Amino acid sequence: MAETPAQTTGQAGHDESGRGRPKTRIGIVTSNKMQKTVIVTVRRRAAHGKYGKIQTLRVKYKAHVEDHDYPKKPTISEGDKVLIAETRPTSKDKRWRVAKVIEKAAKA
Protein backbone atom coordinates (compact mmCIF):
# COMPACT_ATOMS: atom_id res chain seq x y z
CA MET A 1 0.00 0.00 0.00
CA ALA A 2 1.41 3.39 -1.00
CA GLU A 3 1.73 6.00 1.74
CA THR A 4 0.39 9.50 1.19
CA PRO A 5 2.54 12.53 2.11
CA ALA A 6 0.26 13.23 5.09
CA GLN A 7 0.98 9.74 6.45
CA THR A 8 4.73 10.07 6.06
CA THR A 9 4.90 13.37 7.95
CA GLY A 10 2.49 12.21 10.63
CA GLN A 11 0.27 15.27 10.30
CA ALA A 12 -3.22 14.89 8.88
CA GLY A 13 -4.79 17.58 6.73
CA HIS A 14 -1.58 18.95 5.27
CA ASP A 15 -0.63 19.10 1.62
CA GLU A 16 2.62 17.68 0.26
CA SER A 17 4.61 20.78 1.25
CA GLY A 18 3.65 20.17 4.89
CA ARG A 19 2.42 23.70 5.51
CA GLY A 20 -1.35 23.31 5.58
CA ARG A 21 -3.79 26.10 4.86
CA PRO A 22 -2.98 29.67 5.92
CA LYS A 23 -5.21 31.35 8.48
CA THR A 24 -7.62 33.92 7.06
CA ARG A 25 -9.53 36.82 8.60
CA ILE A 26 -12.14 39.28 7.31
CA GLY A 27 -11.83 42.89 8.44
CA ILE A 28 -12.21 46.56 7.62
CA VAL A 29 -9.33 48.72 6.37
CA THR A 30 -8.75 51.49 8.91
CA SER A 31 -5.62 53.06 7.42
CA ASN A 32 -4.02 53.08 3.98
CA LYS A 33 -1.42 55.80 4.51
CA MET A 34 1.64 53.57 4.04
CA GLN A 35 3.20 52.31 0.84
CA LYS A 36 2.21 48.70 0.10
CA THR A 37 0.72 48.32 3.61
CA VAL A 38 -2.77 48.72 5.05
CA ILE A 39 -4.02 48.35 8.60
CA VAL A 40 -6.99 46.00 8.90
CA THR A 41 -9.19 45.90 12.00
CA VAL A 42 -10.76 42.52 12.68
CA ARG A 43 -13.62 42.32 15.16
CA ARG A 44 -14.92 39.11 16.71
CA ARG A 45 -17.44 38.31 19.41
CA ALA A 46 -16.42 35.93 22.18
CA ALA A 47 -17.63 34.97 25.62
CA HIS A 48 -15.60 36.09 28.61
CA GLY A 49 -13.68 33.15 30.06
CA LYS A 50 -14.92 33.50 33.64
CA TYR A 51 -18.17 35.46 33.49
CA GLY A 52 -19.54 34.39 30.11
CA LYS A 53 -20.55 37.87 28.98
CA ILE A 54 -20.38 38.28 25.20
CA GLN A 55 -17.83 40.94 24.31
CA THR A 56 -16.50 42.38 21.06
CA LEU A 57 -12.76 41.92 20.68
CA ARG A 58 -10.73 43.98 18.22
CA VAL A 59 -7.33 43.20 16.74
CA LYS A 60 -5.38 45.31 14.24
CA TYR A 61 -3.21 43.64 11.62
CA LYS A 62 -0.74 45.20 9.18
CA ALA A 63 -1.28 43.57 5.81
CA HIS A 64 0.81 43.72 2.65
CA VAL A 65 -0.71 44.89 -0.65
CA GLU A 66 1.59 44.59 -3.64
CA ASP A 67 -0.10 47.05 -6.04
CA HIS A 68 -0.99 49.66 -3.36
CA ASP A 69 1.41 52.59 -3.68
CA TYR A 70 0.13 55.50 -1.55
CA PRO A 71 -0.32 58.37 -2.50
CA LYS A 72 0.35 57.72 -6.20
CA LYS A 73 -2.18 54.96 -6.86
CA PRO A 74 -4.02 53.72 -3.77
CA THR A 75 -5.92 50.58 -4.76
CA ILE A 76 -7.50 49.97 -1.35
CA SER A 77 -9.27 52.75 0.52
CA GLU A 78 -10.36 53.13 4.13
CA GLY A 79 -13.62 51.34 4.88
CA ASP A 80 -13.09 48.52 2.39
CA LYS A 81 -13.92 45.02 3.60
CA VAL A 82 -10.99 42.71 2.82
CA LEU A 83 -9.91 39.11 3.30
CA ILE A 84 -6.38 38.80 4.72
CA ALA A 85 -4.30 35.62 4.75
CA GLU A 86 -1.37 34.65 6.92
CA THR A 87 2.03 34.64 5.21
CA ARG A 88 5.71 34.58 6.07
CA PRO A 89 7.03 37.72 7.80
CA THR A 90 7.36 40.58 5.31
CA SER A 91 8.77 43.06 7.84
CA LYS A 92 8.97 43.58 11.60
CA ASP A 93 5.18 43.87 12.02
CA LYS A 94 3.71 42.43 8.80
CA ARG A 95 2.71 38.75 8.77
CA TRP A 96 -0.48 39.08 6.68
CA ARG A 97 -1.33 39.91 3.06
CA VAL A 98 -4.53 41.12 1.47
CA ALA A 99 -5.94 38.13 -0.41
CA LYS A 100 -8.92 39.93 -1.96
CA VAL A 101 -11.24 42.89 -1.58
CA ILE A 102 -14.68 41.64 -0.63
CA GLU A 103 -16.56 44.94 -0.65
CA LYS A 104 -15.51 48.47 -1.59
CA ALA A 105 -16.39 51.34 0.74
CA ALA A 106 -19.29 53.57 -0.23
CA LYS A 107 -18.16 56.90 -1.65
CA ALA A 108 -19.23 59.87 0.45
PDB file of N, CA and C in Angstrom:
ATOM      1  N   MET A   1       0.839  -1.179   0.000  1.00  0.00           N
ATOM      2  CA  MET A   1       0.000   0.000   0.000  1.00  0.00           C
ATOM      3  C   MET A   1       0.884   1.243   0.000  1.00  0.00           C
ATOM      4  N   ALA A   2       0.619   2.177  -0.899  1.00  0.00           N
ATOM      5  CA  ALA A   2       1.412   3.392  -0.999  1.00  0.00           C
ATOM      6  C   ALA A   2       1.002   4.371   0.098  1.00  0.00           C
ATOM      7  N   GLU A   3       2.017   5.022   0.700  1.00  0.00           N
ATOM      8  CA  GLU A   3       1.732   6.001   1.744  1.00  0.00           C
ATOM      9  C   GLU A   3       1.542   7.369   1.118  1.00  0.00           C
ATOM     10  N   THR A   4       0.592   8.130   1.648  1.00  0.00           N
ATOM     11  CA  THR A   4       0.393   9.499   1.188  1.00  0.00           C
ATOM     12  C   THR A   4       1.357  10.412   1.932  1.00  0.00           C
ATOM     13  N   PRO A   5       1.631  11.611   1.424  1.00  0.00           N
ATOM     14  CA  PRO A   5       2.541  12.528   2.114  1.00  0.00           C
ATOM     15  C   PRO A   5       2.077  12.864   3.524  1.00  0.00           C
ATOM     16  N   ALA A   6       0.752  12.919   3.759  1.00  0.00           N
ATOM     17  CA  ALA A   6       0.255  13.229   5.094  1.00  0.00           C
ATOM     18  C   ALA A   6       0.598  12.106   6.070  1.00  0.00           C
ATOM     19  N   GLN A   7       0.644  10.858   5.580  1.00  0.00           N
ATOM     20  CA  GLN A   7       0.980   9.740   6.446  1.00  0.00           C
ATOM     21  C   GLN A   7       2.472   9.706   6.757  1.00  0.00           C
ATOM     22  N   THR A   8       3.299  10.110   5.824  1.00  0.00           N
ATOM     23  CA  THR A   8       4.734  10.068   6.060  1.00  0.00           C
ATOM     24  C   THR A   8       5.174  11.148   7.041  1.00  0.00           C
ATOM     25  N   THR A   9       4.527  12.315   7.027  1.00  0.00           N
ATOM     26  CA  THR A   9       4.900  13.372   7.952  1.00  0.00           C
ATOM     27  C   THR A   9       4.230  13.211   9.305  1.00  0.00           C
ATOM     28  N   GLY A  10       3.170  12.420   9.370  1.00  0.00           N
ATOM     29  CA  GLY A  10       2.494  12.211  10.631  1.00  0.00           C
ATOM     30  C   GLY A  10       1.489  13.297  10.974  1.00  0.00           C
ATOM     31  N   GLN A  11       1.202  14.183  10.041  1.00  0.00           N
ATOM     32  CA  GLN A  11       0.271  15.270  10.298  1.00  0.00           C
ATOM     33  C   GLN A  11      -0.859  15.193   9.287  1.00  0.00           C
ATOM     34  N   ALA A  12      -2.064  14.997   9.775  1.00  0.00           N
ATOM     35  CA  ALA A  12      -3.223  14.887   8.883  1.00  0.00           C
ATOM     36  C   ALA A  12      -3.672  16.266   8.433  1.00  0.00           C
ATOM     37  N   GLY A  13      -4.222  16.334   7.228  1.00  0.00           N
ATOM     38  CA  GLY A  13      -4.790  17.579   6.725  1.00  0.00           C
ATOM     39  C   GLY A  13      -3.796  18.522   6.083  1.00  0.00           C
ATOM     40  N   HIS A  14      -2.575  18.085   5.887  1.00  0.00           N
ATOM     41  CA  HIS A  14      -1.581  18.953   5.272  1.00  0.00           C
ATOM     42  C   HIS A  14      -1.326  18.501   3.847  1.00  0.00           C
ATOM     43  N   ASP A  15      -0.967  19.455   2.992  1.00  0.00           N
ATOM     44  CA  ASP A  15      -0.633  19.103   1.619  1.00  0.00           C
ATOM     45  C   ASP A  15       0.804  18.576   1.573  1.00  0.00           C
ATOM     46  N   GLU A  16       1.308  18.300   0.360  1.00  0.00           N
ATOM     47  CA  GLU A  16       2.616  17.678   0.260  1.00  0.00           C
ATOM     48  C   GLU A  16       3.758  18.578   0.708  1.00  0.00           C
ATOM     49  N   SER A  17       3.550  19.907   0.765  1.00  0.00           N
ATOM     50  CA  SER A  17       4.608  20.784   1.252  1.00  0.00           C
ATOM     51  C   SER A  17       4.673  20.788   2.771  1.00  0.00           C
ATOM     52  N   GLY A  18       3.629  20.267   3.441  1.00  0.00           N
ATOM     53  CA  GLY A  18       3.650  20.175   4.888  1.00  0.00           C
ATOM     54  C   GLY A  18       3.249  21.448   5.600  1.00  0.00           C
ATOM     55  N   ARG A  19       2.731  22.423   4.882  1.00  0.00           N
ATOM     56  CA  ARG A  19       2.418  23.700   5.506  1.00  0.00           C
ATOM     57  C   ARG A  19       0.968  23.841   5.923  1.00  0.00           C
ATOM     58  N   GLY A  20       0.057  23.156   5.254  1.00  0.00           N
ATOM     59  CA  GLY A  20      -1.354  23.310   5.582  1.00  0.00           C
ATOM     60  C   GLY A  20      -1.933  24.576   4.979  1.00  0.00           C
ATOM     61  N   ARG A  21      -3.137  24.899   5.372  1.00  0.00           N
ATOM     62  CA  ARG A  21      -3.793  26.096   4.855  1.00  0.00           C
ATOM     63  C   ARG A  21      -3.463  27.298   5.724  1.00  0.00           C
ATOM     64  N   PRO A  22      -3.246  28.477   5.106  1.00  0.00           N
ATOM     65  CA  PRO A  22      -2.982  29.669   5.920  1.00  0.00           C
ATOM     66  C   PRO A  22      -4.254  30.147   6.622  1.00  0.00           C
ATOM     67  N   LYS A  23      -4.081  30.768   7.770  1.00  0.00           N
ATOM     68  CA  LYS A  23      -5.214  31.351   8.476  1.00  0.00           C
ATOM     69  C   LYS A  23      -5.729  32.536   7.686  1.00  0.00           C
ATOM     70  N   THR A  24      -7.030  32.768   7.737  1.00  0.00           N
ATOM     71  CA  THR A  24      -7.620  33.917   7.057  1.00  0.00           C
ATOM     72  C   THR A  24      -8.518  34.665   8.031  1.00  0.00           C
ATOM     73  N   ARG A  25      -8.659  35.966   7.802  1.00  0.00           N
ATOM     74  CA  ARG A  25      -9.529  36.817   8.599  1.00  0.00           C
ATOM     75  C   ARG A  25     -10.231  37.796   7.661  1.00  0.00           C
ATOM     76  N   ILE A  26     -11.416  38.255   8.058  1.00  0.00           N
ATOM     77  CA  ILE A  26     -12.137  39.285   7.314  1.00  0.00           C
ATOM     78  C   ILE A  26     -12.216  40.510   8.196  1.00  0.00           C
ATOM     79  N   GLY A  27     -11.830  41.669   7.654  1.00  0.00           N
ATOM     80  CA  GLY A  27     -11.834  42.890   8.444  1.00  0.00           C
ATOM     81  C   GLY A  27     -12.025  44.118   7.586  1.00  0.00           C
ATOM     82  N   ILE A  28     -12.020  45.264   8.250  1.00  0.00           N
ATOM     83  CA  ILE A  28     -12.214  46.564   7.615  1.00  0.00           C
ATOM     84  C   ILE A  28     -10.890  47.313   7.608  1.00  0.00           C
ATOM     85  N   VAL A  29     -10.555  47.926   6.476  1.00  0.00           N
ATOM     86  CA  VAL A  29      -9.328  48.716   6.368  1.00  0.00           C
ATOM     87  C   VAL A  29      -9.526  50.023   7.137  1.00  0.00           C
ATOM     88  N   THR A  30      -8.643  50.269   8.122  1.00  0.00           N
ATOM     89  CA  THR A  30      -8.752  51.495   8.909  1.00  0.00           C
ATOM     90  C   THR A  30      -7.703  52.530   8.527  1.00  0.00           C
ATOM     91  N   SER A  31      -6.633  52.109   7.863  1.00  0.00           N
ATOM     92  CA  SER A  31      -5.620  53.062   7.422  1.00  0.00           C
ATOM     93  C   SER A  31      -4.946  52.541   6.164  1.00  0.00           C
ATOM     94  N   ASN A  32      -4.733  53.446   5.204  1.00  0.00           N
ATOM     95  CA  ASN A  32      -4.017  53.082   3.978  1.00  0.00           C
ATOM     96  C   ASN A  32      -2.935  54.106   3.668  1.00  0.00           C
ATOM     97  N   LYS A  33      -2.355  54.699   4.685  1.00  0.00           N
ATOM     98  CA  LYS A  33      -1.420  55.798   4.511  1.00  0.00           C
ATOM     99  C   LYS A  33       0.002  55.350   4.194  1.00  0.00           C
ATOM    100  N   MET A  34       0.287  54.057   4.297  1.00  0.00           N
ATOM    101  CA  MET A  34       1.640  53.570   4.042  1.00  0.00           C
ATOM    102  C   MET A  34       1.750  53.002   2.633  1.00  0.00           C
ATOM    103  N   GLN A  35       2.983  52.904   2.151  1.00  0.00           N
ATOM    104  CA  GLN A  35       3.204  52.306   0.842  1.00  0.00           C
ATOM    105  C   GLN A  35       3.165  50.800   0.979  1.00  0.00           C
ATOM    106  N   LYS A  36       2.338  50.157   0.163  1.00  0.00           N
ATOM    107  CA  LYS A  36       2.212  48.700   0.101  1.00  0.00           C
ATOM    108  C   LYS A  36       1.748  48.059   1.413  1.00  0.00           C
ATOM    109  N   THR A  37       1.189  48.848   2.328  1.00  0.00           N
ATOM    110  CA  THR A  37       0.716  48.319   3.608  1.00  0.00           C
ATOM    111  C   THR A  37      -0.601  48.978   3.975  1.00  0.00           C
ATOM    112  N   VAL A  38      -1.523  48.186   4.491  1.00  0.00           N
ATOM    113  CA  VAL A  38      -2.769  48.718   5.047  1.00  0.00           C
ATOM    114  C   VAL A  38      -2.950  48.133   6.439  1.00  0.00           C
ATOM    115  N   ILE A  39      -3.685  48.857   7.279  1.00  0.00           N
ATOM    116  CA  ILE A  39      -4.018  48.348   8.597  1.00  0.00           C
ATOM    117  C   ILE A  39      -5.461  47.880   8.549  1.00  0.00           C
ATOM    118  N   VAL A  40      -5.674  46.622   8.942  1.00  0.00           N
ATOM    119  CA  VAL A  40      -6.988  46.000   8.895  1.00  0.00           C
ATOM    120  C   VAL A  40      -7.426  45.703  10.327  1.00  0.00           C
ATOM    121  N   THR A  41      -8.627  46.171  10.689  1.00  0.00           N
ATOM    122  CA  THR A  41      -9.188  45.900  12.003  1.00  0.00           C
ATOM    123  C   THR A  41     -10.168  44.742  11.889  1.00  0.00           C
ATOM    124  N   VAL A  42      -9.910  43.701  12.673  1.00  0.00           N
ATOM    125  CA  VAL A  42     -10.760  42.517  12.678  1.00  0.00           C
ATOM    126  C   VAL A  42     -11.489  42.478  14.011  1.00  0.00           C
ATOM    127  N   ARG A  43     -12.814  42.398  13.947  1.00  0.00           N
ATOM    128  CA  ARG A  43     -13.625  42.321  15.158  1.00  0.00           C
ATOM    129  C   ARG A  43     -14.229  40.930  15.259  1.00  0.00           C
ATOM    130  N   ARG A  44     -14.259  40.391  16.480  1.00  0.00           N
ATOM    131  CA  ARG A  44     -14.922  39.113  16.713  1.00  0.00           C
ATOM    132  C   ARG A  44     -15.620  39.161  18.060  1.00  0.00           C
ATOM    133  N   ARG A  45     -16.669  38.365  18.174  1.00  0.00           N
ATOM    134  CA  ARG A  45     -17.436  38.308  19.413  1.00  0.00           C
ATOM    135  C   ARG A  45     -17.105  37.008  20.121  1.00  0.00           C
ATOM    136  N   ALA A  46     -16.784  37.113  21.414  1.00  0.00           N
ATOM    137  CA  ALA A  46     -16.416  35.930  22.178  1.00  0.00           C
ATOM    138  C   ALA A  46     -16.930  36.079  23.605  1.00  0.00           C
ATOM    139  N   ALA A  47     -17.184  34.961  24.230  1.00  0.00           N
ATOM    140  CA  ALA A  47     -17.632  34.973  25.618  1.00  0.00           C
ATOM    141  C   ALA A  47     -16.431  35.153  26.541  1.00  0.00           C
ATOM    142  N   HIS A  48     -16.628  35.902  27.609  1.00  0.00           N
ATOM    143  CA  HIS A  48     -15.597  36.086  28.611  1.00  0.00           C
ATOM    144  C   HIS A  48     -15.310  34.732  29.258  1.00  0.00           C
ATOM    145  N   GLY A  49     -14.059  34.456  29.547  1.00  0.00           N
ATOM    146  CA  GLY A  49     -13.681  33.147  30.059  1.00  0.00           C
ATOM    147  C   GLY A  49     -14.306  32.812  31.396  1.00  0.00           C
ATOM    148  N   LYS A  50     -14.405  33.778  32.299  1.00  0.00           N
ATOM    149  CA  LYS A  50     -14.925  33.503  33.636  1.00  0.00           C
ATOM    150  C   LYS A  50     -16.404  33.827  33.770  1.00  0.00           C
ATOM    151  N   TYR A  51     -16.810  34.974  33.246  1.00  0.00           N
ATOM    152  CA  TYR A  51     -18.172  35.461  33.489  1.00  0.00           C
ATOM    153  C   TYR A  51     -19.155  35.134  32.373  1.00  0.00           C
ATOM    154  N   GLY A  52     -18.660  34.803  31.190  1.00  0.00           N
ATOM    155  CA  GLY A  52     -19.541  34.392  30.115  1.00  0.00           C
ATOM    156  C   GLY A  52     -20.208  35.514  29.347  1.00  0.00           C
ATOM    157  N   LYS A  53     -19.944  36.754  29.707  1.00  0.00           N
ATOM    158  CA  LYS A  53     -20.549  37.872  28.978  1.00  0.00           C
ATOM    159  C   LYS A  53     -19.963  37.948  27.570  1.00  0.00           C
ATOM    160  N   ILE A  54     -20.831  38.154  26.587  1.00  0.00           N
ATOM    161  CA  ILE A  54     -20.379  38.284  25.200  1.00  0.00           C
ATOM    162  C   ILE A  54     -19.744  39.657  25.032  1.00  0.00           C
ATOM    163  N   GLN A  55     -18.524  39.671  24.516  1.00  0.00           N
ATOM    164  CA  GLN A  55     -17.832  40.936  24.307  1.00  0.00           C
ATOM    165  C   GLN A  55     -17.257  40.980  22.900  1.00  0.00           C
ATOM    166  N   THR A  56     -17.083  42.187  22.385  1.00  0.00           N
ATOM    167  CA  THR A  56     -16.505  42.379  21.063  1.00  0.00           C
ATOM    168  C   THR A  56     -15.018  42.640  21.217  1.00  0.00           C
ATOM    169  N   LEU A  57     -14.204  41.783  20.622  1.00  0.00           N
ATOM    170  CA  LEU A  57     -12.761  41.919  20.683  1.00  0.00           C
ATOM    171  C   LEU A  57     -12.262  42.462  19.356  1.00  0.00           C
ATOM    172  N   ARG A  58     -11.257  43.326  19.413  1.00  0.00           N
ATOM    173  CA  ARG A  58     -10.734  43.979  18.221  1.00  0.00           C
ATOM    174  C   ARG A  58      -9.233  43.774  18.147  1.00  0.00           C
ATOM    175  N   VAL A  59      -8.756  43.372  16.970  1.00  0.00           N
ATOM    176  CA  VAL A  59      -7.328  43.196  16.736  1.00  0.00           C
ATOM    177  C   VAL A  59      -6.976  43.924  15.442  1.00  0.00           C
ATOM    178  N   LYS A  60      -5.846  44.626  15.445  1.00  0.00           N
ATOM    179  CA  LYS A  60      -5.380  45.313  14.241  1.00  0.00           C
ATOM    180  C   LYS A  60      -4.209  44.545  13.647  1.00  0.00           C
ATOM    181  N   TYR A  61      -4.274  44.334  12.338  1.00  0.00           N
ATOM    182  CA  TYR A  61      -3.210  43.639  11.615  1.00  0.00           C
ATOM    183  C   TYR A  61      -2.655  44.570  10.542  1.00  0.00           C
ATOM    184  N   LYS A  62      -1.338  44.527  10.326  1.00  0.00           N
ATOM    185  CA  LYS A  62      -0.737  45.198   9.183  1.00  0.00           C
ATOM    186  C   LYS A  62      -0.660  44.171   8.068  1.00  0.00           C
ATOM    187  N   ALA A  63      -1.218  44.513   6.919  1.00  0.00           N
ATOM    188  CA  ALA A  63      -1.283  43.574   5.805  1.00  0.00           C
ATOM    189  C   ALA A  63      -0.589  44.164   4.580  1.00  0.00           C
ATOM    190  N   HIS A  64       0.065  43.301   3.831  1.00  0.00           N
ATOM    191  CA  HIS A  64       0.806  43.716   2.653  1.00  0.00           C
ATOM    192  C   HIS A  64      -0.091  43.707   1.421  1.00  0.00           C
ATOM    193  N   VAL A  65      -0.003  44.796   0.625  1.00  0.00           N
ATOM    194  CA  VAL A  65      -0.711  44.887  -0.652  1.00  0.00           C
ATOM    195  C   VAL A  65       0.328  45.252  -1.698  1.00  0.00           C
ATOM    196  N   GLU A  66       0.507  44.383  -2.684  1.00  0.00           N
ATOM    197  CA  GLU A  66       1.595  44.586  -3.637  1.00  0.00           C
ATOM    198  C   GLU A  66       1.356  45.785  -4.553  1.00  0.00           C
ATOM    199  N   ASP A  67       0.142  45.975  -5.063  1.00  0.00           N
ATOM    200  CA  ASP A  67      -0.100  47.046  -6.038  1.00  0.00           C
ATOM    201  C   ASP A  67      -0.563  48.342  -5.403  1.00  0.00           C
ATOM    202  N   HIS A  68      -0.556  48.447  -4.069  1.00  0.00           N
ATOM    203  CA  HIS A  68      -0.988  49.658  -3.364  1.00  0.00           C
ATOM    204  C   HIS A  68       0.231  50.546  -3.152  1.00  0.00           C
ATOM    205  N   ASP A  69       0.279  51.682  -3.803  1.00  0.00           N
ATOM    206  CA  ASP A  69       1.411  52.591  -3.675  1.00  0.00           C
ATOM    207  C   ASP A  69       0.883  53.975  -3.318  1.00  0.00           C
ATOM    208  N   TYR A  70       0.680  54.225  -2.027  1.00  0.00           N
ATOM    209  CA  TYR A  70       0.133  55.497  -1.550  1.00  0.00           C
ATOM    210  C   TYR A  70       1.194  56.566  -1.659  1.00  0.00           C
ATOM    211  N   PRO A  71       0.954  57.800  -2.057  1.00  0.00           N
ATOM    212  CA  PRO A  71      -0.317  58.372  -2.497  1.00  0.00           C
ATOM    213  C   PRO A  71      -0.508  58.327  -4.007  1.00  0.00           C
ATOM    214  N   LYS A  72       0.416  57.698  -4.733  1.00  0.00           N
ATOM    215  CA  LYS A  72       0.350  57.722  -6.197  1.00  0.00           C
ATOM    216  C   LYS A  72      -0.870  56.987  -6.740  1.00  0.00           C
ATOM    217  N   LYS A  73      -1.031  55.722  -6.359  1.00  0.00           N
ATOM    218  CA  LYS A  73      -2.175  54.964  -6.856  1.00  0.00           C
ATOM    219  C   LYS A  73      -2.701  54.029  -5.758  1.00  0.00           C
ATOM    220  N   PRO A  74      -3.461  54.568  -4.813  1.00  0.00           N
ATOM    221  CA  PRO A  74      -4.020  53.716  -3.769  1.00  0.00           C
ATOM    222  C   PRO A  74      -5.121  52.815  -4.325  1.00  0.00           C
ATOM    223  N   THR A  75      -4.934  51.515  -4.223  1.00  0.00           N
ATOM    224  CA  THR A  75      -5.917  50.580  -4.758  1.00  0.00           C
ATOM    225  C   THR A  75      -6.944  50.176  -3.705  1.00  0.00           C
ATOM    226  N   ILE A  76      -6.588  50.313  -2.435  1.00  0.00           N
ATOM    227  CA  ILE A  76      -7.504  49.972  -1.349  1.00  0.00           C
ATOM    228  C   ILE A  76      -7.706  51.214  -0.503  1.00  0.00           C
ATOM    229  N   SER A  77      -8.968  51.553  -0.252  1.00  0.00           N
ATOM    230  CA  SER A  77      -9.268  52.750   0.522  1.00  0.00           C
ATOM    231  C   SER A  77      -9.808  52.379   1.896  1.00  0.00           C
ATOM    232  N   GLU A  78      -9.850  53.350   2.779  1.00  0.00           N
ATOM    233  CA  GLU A  78     -10.358  53.125   4.129  1.00  0.00           C
ATOM    234  C   GLU A  78     -11.837  52.758   4.064  1.00  0.00           C
ATOM    235  N   GLY A  79     -12.240  51.791   4.858  1.00  0.00           N
ATOM    236  CA  GLY A  79     -13.618  51.342   4.883  1.00  0.00           C
ATOM    237  C   GLY A  79     -13.884  50.120   4.020  1.00  0.00           C
ATOM    238  N   ASP A  80     -12.920  49.713   3.207  1.00  0.00           N
ATOM    239  CA  ASP A  80     -13.095  48.515   2.389  1.00  0.00           C
ATOM    240  C   ASP A  80     -13.086  47.269   3.271  1.00  0.00           C
ATOM    241  N   LYS A  81     -13.915  46.308   2.911  1.00  0.00           N
ATOM    242  CA  LYS A  81     -13.916  45.018   3.604  1.00  0.00           C
ATOM    243  C   LYS A  81     -13.012  44.084   2.825  1.00  0.00           C
ATOM    244  N   VAL A  82     -11.980  43.520   3.498  1.00  0.00           N
ATOM    245  CA  VAL A  82     -10.986  42.708   2.817  1.00  0.00           C
ATOM    246  C   VAL A  82     -10.801  41.368   3.522  1.00  0.00           C
ATOM    247  N   LEU A  83     -10.299  40.408   2.768  1.00  0.00           N
ATOM    248  CA  LEU A  83      -9.907  39.105   3.296  1.00  0.00           C
ATOM    249  C   LEU A  83      -8.388  39.099   3.377  1.00  0.00           C
ATOM    250  N   ILE A  84      -7.830  38.861   4.565  1.00  0.00           N
ATOM    251  CA  ILE A  84      -6.381  38.801   4.715  1.00  0.00           C
ATOM    252  C   ILE A  84      -5.986  37.366   5.025  1.00  0.00           C
ATOM    253  N   ALA A  85      -4.807  36.975   4.548  1.00  0.00           N
ATOM    254  CA  ALA A  85      -4.301  35.623   4.747  1.00  0.00           C
ATOM    255  C   ALA A  85      -2.923  35.689   5.389  1.00  0.00           C
ATOM    256  N   GLU A  86      -2.654  34.719   6.232  1.00  0.00           N
ATOM    257  CA  GLU A  86      -1.372  34.651   6.915  1.00  0.00           C
ATOM    258  C   GLU A  86      -0.280  34.310   5.911  1.00  0.00           C
ATOM    259  N   THR A  87       0.904  34.887   6.098  1.00  0.00           N
ATOM    260  CA  THR A  87       2.026  34.636   5.213  1.00  0.00           C
ATOM    261  C   THR A  87       3.318  34.725   6.014  1.00  0.00           C
ATOM    262  N   ARG A  88       4.435  34.465   5.359  1.00  0.00           N
ATOM    263  CA  ARG A  88       5.711  34.579   6.068  1.00  0.00           C
ATOM    264  C   ARG A  88       5.960  36.045   6.415  1.00  0.00           C
ATOM    265  N   PRO A  89       6.793  36.327   7.413  1.00  0.00           N
ATOM    266  CA  PRO A  89       7.027  37.724   7.801  1.00  0.00           C
ATOM    267  C   PRO A  89       7.590  38.555   6.647  1.00  0.00           C
ATOM    268  N   THR A  90       6.917  39.664   6.354  1.00  0.00           N
ATOM    269  CA  THR A  90       7.365  40.579   5.308  1.00  0.00           C
ATOM    270  C   THR A  90       8.254  41.669   5.894  1.00  0.00           C
ATOM    271  N   SER A  91       7.968  42.067   7.140  1.00  0.00           N
ATOM    272  CA  SER A  91       8.767  43.064   7.838  1.00  0.00           C
ATOM    273  C   SER A  91       8.633  42.803   9.336  1.00  0.00           C
ATOM    274  N   LYS A  92       9.023  43.750  10.144  1.00  0.00           N
ATOM    275  CA  LYS A  92       8.967  43.577  11.596  1.00  0.00           C
ATOM    276  C   LYS A  92       7.554  43.301  12.096  1.00  0.00           C
ATOM    277  N   ASP A  93       6.554  43.992  11.543  1.00  0.00           N
ATOM    278  CA  ASP A  93       5.183  43.872  12.021  1.00  0.00           C
ATOM    279  C   ASP A  93       4.249  43.135  11.058  1.00  0.00           C
ATOM    280  N   LYS A  94       4.632  42.986   9.801  1.00  0.00           N
ATOM    281  CA  LYS A  94       3.713  42.428   8.798  1.00  0.00           C
ATOM    282  C   LYS A  94       3.870  40.917   8.675  1.00  0.00           C
ATOM    283  N   ARG A  95       2.763  40.199   8.956  1.00  0.00           N
ATOM    284  CA  ARG A  95       2.707  38.754   8.770  1.00  0.00           C
ATOM    285  C   ARG A  95       1.459  38.352   7.991  1.00  0.00           C
ATOM    286  N   TRP A  96       0.767  39.320   7.403  1.00  0.00           N
ATOM    287  CA  TRP A  96      -0.483  39.081   6.683  1.00  0.00           C
ATOM    288  C   TRP A  96      -0.415  39.762   5.331  1.00  0.00           C
ATOM    289  N   ARG A  97      -1.214  39.275   4.377  1.00  0.00           N
ATOM    290  CA  ARG A  97      -1.331  39.914   3.064  1.00  0.00           C
ATOM    291  C   ARG A  97      -2.802  39.991   2.711  1.00  0.00           C
ATOM    292  N   VAL A  98      -3.151  40.978   1.916  1.00  0.00           N
ATOM    293  CA  VAL A  98      -4.534  41.119   1.470  1.00  0.00           C
ATOM    294  C   VAL A  98      -4.770  40.110   0.352  1.00  0.00           C
ATOM    295  N   ALA A  99      -5.655  39.150   0.581  1.00  0.00           N
ATOM    296  CA  ALA A  99      -5.944  38.131  -0.414  1.00  0.00           C
ATOM    297  C   ALA A  99      -6.920  38.659  -1.461  1.00  0.00           C
ATOM    298  N   LYS A 100      -7.996  39.338  -1.009  1.00  0.00           N
ATOM    299  CA  LYS A 100      -8.916  39.935  -1.960  1.00  0.00           C
ATOM    300  C   LYS A 100      -9.776  40.975  -1.268  1.00  0.00           C
ATOM    301  N   VAL A 101     -10.310  41.879  -2.077  1.00  0.00           N
ATOM    302  CA  VAL A 101     -11.243  42.890  -1.584  1.00  0.00           C
ATOM    303  C   VAL A 101     -12.642  42.329  -1.720  1.00  0.00           C
ATOM    304  N   ILE A 102     -13.330  42.213  -0.611  1.00  0.00           N
ATOM    305  CA  ILE A 102     -14.682  41.639  -0.627  1.00  0.00           C
ATOM    306  C   ILE A 102     -15.708  42.692  -1.005  1.00  0.00           C
ATOM    307  N   GLU A 103     -15.564  43.887  -0.420  1.00  0.00           N
ATOM    308  CA  GLU A 103     -16.556  44.943  -0.650  1.00  0.00           C
ATOM    309  C   GLU A 103     -15.859  46.297  -0.573  1.00  0.00           C
ATOM    310  N   LYS A 104     -16.081  47.130  -1.589  1.00  0.00           N
ATOM    311  CA  LYS A 104     -15.508  48.468  -1.593  1.00  0.00           C
ATOM    312  C   LYS A 104     -16.348  49.384  -0.713  1.00  0.00           C
ATOM    313  N   ALA A 105     -15.692  50.389  -0.120  1.00  0.00           N
ATOM    314  CA  ALA A 105     -16.388  51.336   0.737  1.00  0.00           C
ATOM    315  C   ALA A 105     -17.267  52.249  -0.098  1.00  0.00           C
ATOM    316  N   ALA A 106     -18.388  52.656   0.466  1.00  0.00           N
ATOM    317  CA  ALA A 106     -19.290  53.574  -0.227  1.00  0.00           C
ATOM    318  C   ALA A 106     -18.654  54.955  -0.311  1.00  0.00           C
ATOM    319  N   LYS A 107     -18.736  55.558  -1.466  1.00  0.00           N
ATOM    320  CA  LYS A 107     -18.163  56.904  -1.655  1.00  0.00           C
ATOM    321  C   LYS A 107     -19.069  57.912  -0.984  1.00  0.00           C
ATOM    322  N   ALA A 108     -18.436  58.861  -0.258  1.00  0.00           N
ATOM    323  CA  ALA A 108     -19.232  59.866   0.449  1.00  0.00           C
ATOM    324  C   ALA A 108     -19.589  61.035  -0.445  1.00  0.00           C
TER     325      ALA A 108
END
